[in-house]
Amino acid sequence: MATQILLTSEAYVKTVTAISDNLAGKYMLTSIREAQEMGLRSILGDCLLDTLKALVAGGSINNEEYGAYKTLLDRCQDYLAYMTVVEALNKVSYKVTNFGVAKSTDQNLQVVTQDEIAKQQYYYQAKADACCYALQNYLLNNRTSYPELDECTCRRIKSNLYSAATCGLWLGGARGREGRKTR
């Protein structure tokens, strides 16, 4: 199996968010990987994310010649932290076992409801969305520094900035406003 390159750390996620220092690495690492490979990949695109991972893996991300990539990596940290918590909430609330899906109870702990878990996910998702918005604006404003950003990726980023949000409602997508007449 290939070595997994993660662009943030458990320690950073635990420092920035209100997640417990005792949360098991098994849940954290899986959640970081999902936040990076599903969330961040959809923002940066395959080529730019793969370039960042290669620079981190090779240890050259801190070289002066790759300063733009180091800046980008630093700007990705908060997004990755908040999305990691979004990904981790259900993992730590429910356990998949040989007996099925279970939740733990204890005399000193009170297990929250699925609605309360969803509220926490919404809270952290809103923070991740704000970081995503800032990250996408940064990419568009500095696209000449990243040759991996092709025109297609920039168009996708622009459309997300124009009419996208993370919610259960379909907002019409990138073309939702084009047909609407203003009065």
Protein backbone atom coordinates (compact mmCIF):
# COMPACT_ATOMS: atom_id res chain seq x y z
CA MET A 1 0.00 0.00 0.00
CA ALA A 2 1.29 3.45 -0.88
CA THR A 3 2.21 5.88 1.86
CA GLN A 4 -0.61 8.27 2.69
CA ILE A 5 0.42 11.93 2.50
CA LEU A 6 -1.71 14.09 4.79
CA LEU A 7 -1.55 17.87 4.51
CA THR A 8 -2.58 18.56 8.10
CA SER A 9 -2.05 16.84 11.42
CA GLU A 10 -4.12 15.53 14.29
CA ALA A 11 -2.42 18.03 16.58
CA TYR A 12 -3.42 20.99 14.40
CA VAL A 13 -7.05 19.84 14.16
CA LYS A 14 -7.24 19.40 17.92
CA THR A 15 -5.64 22.81 18.50
CA VAL A 16 -7.95 24.77 16.16
CA THR A 17 -11.23 23.02 16.98
CA ALA A 18 -13.01 22.01 20.17
CA ILE A 19 -12.40 18.33 19.49
CA SER A 20 -11.16 16.26 22.45
CA ASP A 21 -7.45 15.63 22.82
CA ASN A 22 -8.37 12.03 23.64
CA LEU A 23 -10.04 11.31 20.29
CA ALA A 24 -8.47 8.18 18.86
CA GLY A 25 -6.08 8.55 15.95
CA LYS A 26 -8.02 5.90 14.04
CA TYR A 27 -10.96 8.28 13.71
CA MET A 28 -8.85 11.37 13.20
CA LEU A 29 -6.64 9.98 10.42
CA THR A 30 -9.61 8.58 8.51
CA SER A 31 -11.44 11.90 8.82
CA ILE A 32 -8.40 13.94 7.77
CA ARG A 33 -7.95 11.72 4.73
CA GLU A 34 -11.61 12.11 3.73
CA ALA A 35 -11.53 15.90 4.26
CA GLN A 36 -8.43 16.10 2.09
CA GLU A 37 -9.22 13.60 -0.65
CA MET A 38 -12.89 14.44 -1.07
CA GLY A 39 -13.27 18.01 0.15
CA LEU A 40 -9.96 19.67 -0.65
CA ARG A 41 -9.54 17.78 -3.93
CA SER A 42 -12.86 19.22 -5.12
CA ILE A 43 -11.57 22.73 -4.35
CA LEU A 44 -8.00 22.55 -5.66
CA GLY A 45 -8.42 19.98 -8.40
CA ASP A 46 -6.40 16.81 -8.89
CA CYS A 47 -3.23 18.37 -10.29
CA LEU A 48 -2.78 21.06 -7.65
CA LEU A 49 -3.55 18.73 -4.74
CA ASP A 50 -1.16 16.10 -6.12
CA THR A 51 1.56 18.76 -6.49
CA LEU A 52 1.08 19.85 -2.87
CA LYS A 53 1.26 16.25 -1.67
CA ALA A 54 4.42 15.60 -3.71
CA LEU A 55 6.11 18.72 -2.29
CA VAL A 56 5.19 17.69 1.26
CA ALA A 57 6.31 14.10 0.69
CA GLY A 58 9.62 15.24 -0.79
CA GLY A 59 10.22 17.74 1.99
CA SER A 60 10.67 20.59 -0.47
CA ILE A 61 7.50 22.51 0.48
CA ASN A 62 9.61 24.81 2.70
CA ASN A 63 12.09 25.66 -0.07
CA GLU A 64 12.00 29.30 -1.04
CA GLU A 65 11.24 28.48 -4.68
CA TYR A 66 7.95 26.86 -3.62
CA GLY A 67 6.79 29.76 -1.45
CA ALA A 68 3.44 30.06 -3.25
CA TYR A 69 2.71 26.39 -2.53
CA LYS A 70 3.67 26.79 1.15
CA THR A 71 1.29 29.75 1.36
CA LEU A 72 -1.46 27.67 -0.23
CA LEU A 73 -0.81 24.79 2.15
CA ASP A 74 -1.04 27.18 5.11
CA ARG A 75 -4.33 28.57 3.76
CA CYS A 76 -5.76 25.03 3.50
CA GLN A 77 -5.20 24.21 7.18
CA ASP A 78 -8.37 25.68 8.69
CA TYR A 79 -10.56 24.19 5.96
CA LEU A 80 -9.02 20.78 6.59
CA ALA A 81 -9.44 21.12 10.37
CA TYR A 82 -13.14 21.99 10.23
CA MET A 83 -13.94 19.40 7.56
CA THR A 84 -12.11 16.78 9.63
CA VAL A 85 -14.50 17.44 12.51
CA VAL A 86 -17.50 17.24 10.15
CA GLU A 87 -16.22 13.87 8.94
CA ALA A 88 -15.40 12.61 12.44
CA LEU A 89 -18.70 13.38 14.18
CA ASN A 90 -20.66 10.38 12.89
CA LYS A 91 -17.64 8.08 13.14
CA VAL A 92 -17.24 8.70 16.85
CA SER A 93 -20.96 8.74 17.56
CA TYR A 94 -21.78 5.40 16.00
CA LYS A 95 -19.70 2.25 15.80
CA VAL A 96 -20.08 -0.38 13.09
CA THR A 97 -19.60 -3.78 14.71
CA ASN A 98 -20.33 -7.43 13.96
CA PHE A 99 -23.70 -6.82 15.60
CA GLY A 100 -24.56 -3.84 13.43
CA VAL A 101 -24.42 -0.13 14.12
CA ALA A 102 -24.23 0.69 17.83
CA LYS A 103 -23.84 3.70 20.07
CA SER A 104 -22.25 3.60 23.49
CA THR A 105 -23.90 4.67 26.71
CA ASP A 106 -22.32 5.25 30.08
CA GLN A 107 -23.57 6.38 33.44
CA ASN A 108 -21.33 9.46 33.27
CA LEU A 109 -21.94 10.33 29.64
CA GLN A 110 -25.15 11.25 27.90
CA VAL A 111 -25.37 10.20 24.27
CA VAL A 112 -26.68 12.96 22.02
CA THR A 113 -29.40 12.48 19.45
CA GLN A 114 -28.87 12.31 15.69
CA ASP A 115 -30.37 15.82 15.45
CA GLU A 116 -27.80 17.16 17.91
CA ILE A 117 -25.01 15.50 15.92
CA ALA A 118 -26.39 17.07 12.75
CA LYS A 119 -26.38 20.50 14.44
CA GLN A 120 -22.72 20.08 15.33
CA GLN A 121 -21.94 18.99 11.78
CA TYR A 122 -23.77 22.04 10.45
CA TYR A 123 -21.79 24.30 12.79
CA TYR A 124 -18.44 22.94 11.61
CA GLN A 125 -19.58 22.73 7.98
CA ALA A 126 -20.43 26.44 8.06
CA LYS A 127 -16.91 27.18 9.29
CA ALA A 128 -15.42 24.93 6.58
CA ASP A 129 -17.58 26.67 3.96
CA ALA A 130 -16.24 30.06 5.03
CA CYS A 131 -12.67 28.75 4.76
CA CYS A 132 -13.49 27.21 1.38
CA TYR A 133 -14.84 30.50 0.08
CA ALA A 134 -11.71 32.35 1.20
CA LEU A 135 -9.48 29.64 -0.27
CA GLN A 136 -11.26 29.75 -3.64
CA ASN A 137 -11.00 33.55 -3.77
CA TYR A 138 -7.29 33.26 -2.97
CA LEU A 139 -6.80 30.71 -5.77
CA LEU A 140 -8.54 32.88 -8.33
CA ASN A 141 -6.64 36.00 -7.29
CA ASN A 142 -3.31 34.14 -7.43
CA ARG A 143 -3.92 31.65 -10.25
CA THR A 144 -0.77 32.71 -12.13
CA SER A 145 1.29 31.31 -9.23
CA TYR A 146 -0.18 27.83 -9.76
CA PRO A 147 0.27 26.47 -13.29
CA GLU A 148 -1.76 23.39 -12.26
CA LEU A 149 -4.93 25.50 -12.23
CA ASP A 150 -6.33 25.11 -15.70
CA GLU A 151 -9.17 27.16 -17.17
CA CYS A 152 -11.74 24.45 -16.45
CA THR A 153 -10.83 24.39 -12.74
CA CYS A 154 -10.96 28.19 -12.54
CA ARG A 155 -14.41 28.23 -14.19
CA ARG A 156 -15.63 25.64 -11.67
CA ILE A 157 -14.25 27.71 -8.79
CA LYS A 158 -15.91 30.87 -10.13
CA SER A 159 -19.26 29.09 -10.44
CA ASN A 160 -18.98 27.84 -6.84
CA LEU A 161 -18.28 31.35 -5.60
CA TYR A 162 -21.28 32.65 -7.50
CA SER A 163 -24.02 30.27 -6.45
CA ALA A 164 -22.87 27.40 -4.24
CA ALA A 165 -23.41 26.52 -0.60
CA THR A 166 -23.38 23.35 1.43
CA CYS A 167 -26.98 22.69 2.30
CA GLY A 168 -29.84 20.34 1.56
CA LEU A 169 -31.43 22.69 -0.96
CA TRP A 170 -30.59 22.80 -4.64
CA LEU A 171 -29.77 26.43 -5.35
CA GLY A 172 -29.87 26.21 -9.12
CA GLY A 173 -26.17 25.65 -9.70
CA ALA A 174 -23.96 27.89 -11.76
CA ARG A 175 -26.67 28.55 -14.34
CA GLY A 176 -29.42 29.27 -11.82
CA ARG A 177 -29.18 33.07 -12.12
CA GLU A 178 -28.46 33.41 -15.83
CA GLY A 179 -32.04 32.97 -16.96
CA ARG A 180 -33.55 35.17 -14.27
CA LYS A 181 -34.40 38.73 -15.25
CA THR A 182 -33.80 41.50 -12.76
CA ARG A 183 -36.31 44.27 -12.43
